Protein backbone atom coordinates (compact mmCIF):
# COMPACT_ATOMS: atom_id res chain seq x y z
CA GLU A 1 -3.79 19.77 -3.93
CA VAL A 2 -2.10 16.47 -3.25
CA GLN A 3 -4.47 13.60 -2.62
CA LEU A 4 -4.23 9.85 -2.37
CA VAL A 5 -7.44 7.84 -2.48
CA GLU A 6 -7.50 4.13 -1.68
CA SER A 7 -10.16 1.72 -2.86
CA GLY A 8 -10.68 -2.00 -3.25
CA GLY A 9 -10.92 -3.06 0.36
CA GLY A 10 -13.58 -5.42 1.58
CA SER A 11 -14.29 -8.72 3.27
CA VAL A 12 -12.90 -11.99 2.02
CA GLN A 13 -12.35 -15.49 3.33
CA ALA A 14 -8.91 -16.78 4.14
CA GLY A 15 -7.10 -17.87 1.01
CA GLY A 16 -8.88 -15.28 -1.10
CA SER A 17 -7.58 -12.26 -2.96
CA LEU A 18 -8.15 -8.53 -3.12
CA ARG A 19 -6.59 -5.77 -5.18
CA LEU A 20 -6.21 -2.40 -3.56
CA SER A 21 -5.89 0.72 -5.68
CA CYS A 22 -4.33 4.05 -4.79
CA ALA A 23 -5.35 6.93 -7.02
CA THR A 24 -2.96 9.87 -6.79
CA PHE A 25 -3.74 13.50 -7.56
CA GLY A 26 -1.84 16.76 -7.55
CA PHE A 27 1.69 15.49 -8.15
CA ILE A 28 3.76 13.66 -10.73
CA LEU A 29 3.87 10.05 -9.68
CA ASP A 30 7.36 9.52 -11.11
CA ASP A 31 8.71 12.02 -8.57
CA TYR A 32 7.52 10.03 -5.56
CA ALA A 33 7.87 6.62 -4.01
CA ILE A 34 4.60 5.04 -2.92
CA GLY A 35 4.13 2.78 0.04
CA TRP A 36 1.33 0.65 1.41
CA PHE A 37 0.85 0.46 5.15
CA ARG A 38 -1.66 -1.20 7.42
CA GLN A 39 -2.88 -0.65 10.94
CA VAL A 40 -4.97 -2.59 13.39
CA PRO A 41 -6.67 -0.55 16.16
CA GLY A 42 -4.43 -0.38 19.18
CA GLU A 43 -1.34 -1.44 17.27
CA GLU A 44 1.43 0.41 15.47
CA ARG A 45 1.18 1.05 11.78
CA GLU A 46 3.12 -1.51 9.74
CA GLY A 47 4.87 -0.97 6.44
CA VAL A 48 3.65 -3.57 3.95
CA SER A 49 5.32 -2.69 0.66
CA SER A 50 6.75 0.15 -1.38
CA ILE A 51 7.65 0.92 -4.96
CA SER A 52 9.97 3.34 -6.65
CA THR A 53 7.73 4.57 -9.44
CA ARG A 54 10.79 5.82 -11.28
CA ASP A 55 12.74 2.58 -11.64
CA GLY A 56 10.19 -0.02 -10.52
CA SER A 57 12.13 -1.28 -7.50
CA THR A 58 9.82 -2.96 -5.00
CA TYR A 59 10.14 -3.86 -1.34
CA TYR A 60 8.01 -6.07 0.90
CA ALA A 61 7.59 -6.88 4.55
CA ASP A 62 8.52 -10.47 5.33
CA SER A 63 4.95 -11.14 6.42
CA VAL A 64 3.59 -10.52 2.91
CA LYS A 65 6.50 -11.53 0.69
CA GLY A 66 5.38 -14.00 -1.96
CA ARG A 67 1.69 -13.18 -1.42
CA PHE A 68 1.41 -9.45 -2.16
CA THR A 69 2.54 -7.61 -5.29
CA ILE A 70 2.86 -3.85 -5.62
CA SER A 71 2.75 -2.19 -9.03
CA SER A 72 2.27 1.23 -10.54
CA ASP A 73 0.74 2.68 -13.68
CA ASN A 74 2.41 6.06 -13.93
CA ALA A 75 0.39 7.10 -16.97
CA ARG A 76 -2.79 6.69 -14.94
CA SER A 77 -1.28 7.92 -11.66
CA MET A 78 -2.29 4.68 -9.99
CA VAL A 79 -0.57 2.29 -7.64
CA TYR A 80 -1.91 -1.17 -6.86
CA LEU A 81 -1.46 -3.80 -4.20
CA GLN A 82 -2.47 -7.28 -5.31
CA MET A 83 -3.05 -9.39 -2.23
CA ASN A 84 -3.28 -13.15 -2.64
CA THR A 85 -3.57 -16.04 -0.19
CA LEU A 86 -4.97 -13.66 2.39
CA LYS A 87 -4.82 -14.62 6.06
CA PRO A 88 -6.90 -13.42 9.02
CA GLU A 89 -3.81 -11.62 10.32
CA ASP A 90 -3.90 -9.44 7.20
CA THR A 91 -7.04 -7.80 8.55
CA ALA A 92 -6.37 -4.08 8.97
CA VAL A 93 -7.00 -0.65 7.53
CA TYR A 94 -4.68 -0.24 4.56
CA TYR A 95 -3.22 3.12 3.63
CA CYS A 96 -1.15 4.31 0.72
CA ALA A 97 1.38 7.06 1.18
CA ALA A 98 3.68 9.13 -1.02
CA SER A 99 7.22 10.14 -0.23
CA LYS A 100 9.94 12.17 -1.89
CA GLY A 101 12.36 9.80 -0.19
CA ASP A 102 13.76 6.46 -1.28
CA ALA A 103 11.28 3.59 -1.42
CA TYR A 104 13.79 1.39 0.40
CA TYR A 105 13.30 3.37 3.62
CA TYR A 106 9.51 3.14 3.68
CA THR A 107 9.46 1.56 7.13
CA LEU A 108 10.98 4.65 8.74
CA SER A 109 8.48 6.55 10.85
CA ASN A 110 8.92 9.91 9.09
CA TRP A 111 9.12 8.55 5.55
CA ALA A 112 5.75 9.60 4.14
CA ASP A 113 4.88 13.11 3.02
CA TYR A 114 1.25 12.41 2.16
CA TRP A 115 -1.32 9.83 3.26
CA GLY A 116 -4.58 8.51 1.99
CA GLN A 117 -7.65 7.99 4.13
CA GLY A 118 -7.44 4.20 4.26
CA THR A 119 -9.53 1.25 3.19
CA GLN A 120 -10.63 -1.64 5.41
CA VAL A 121 -9.57 -5.19 4.63
CA THR A 122 -11.19 -7.97 6.63
CA VAL A 123 -10.14 -11.60 6.22
CA SER A 124 -12.26 -14.22 7.94
CA SER A 125 -11.12 -17.72 8.82
């Protein structure tokens, strides 16, 4: 059974850092691209970043470029999102997702094949 489990969310003050983890189960990580997404209640889900676990290519939304870093540890079936210099507007539920598609297209609405349950990130000013 395919599963993605996020962890590492929490509350932090503006300027702080958090590292989100996405544990993957039931598939070979090298065969999938992994993306991080976030959603605020009442708003559309936003693509934050993605990684091709096969060749290491990474992609970022403009709003997080230079502050967030996505990485993967294929041997441990883990994907991480290091979030630095957090801002109140980064507050959201963060989800990881897996796709057989190209990591470059992670912002497309039908990109993901599997989703995690989400982890809350709250940044206070």
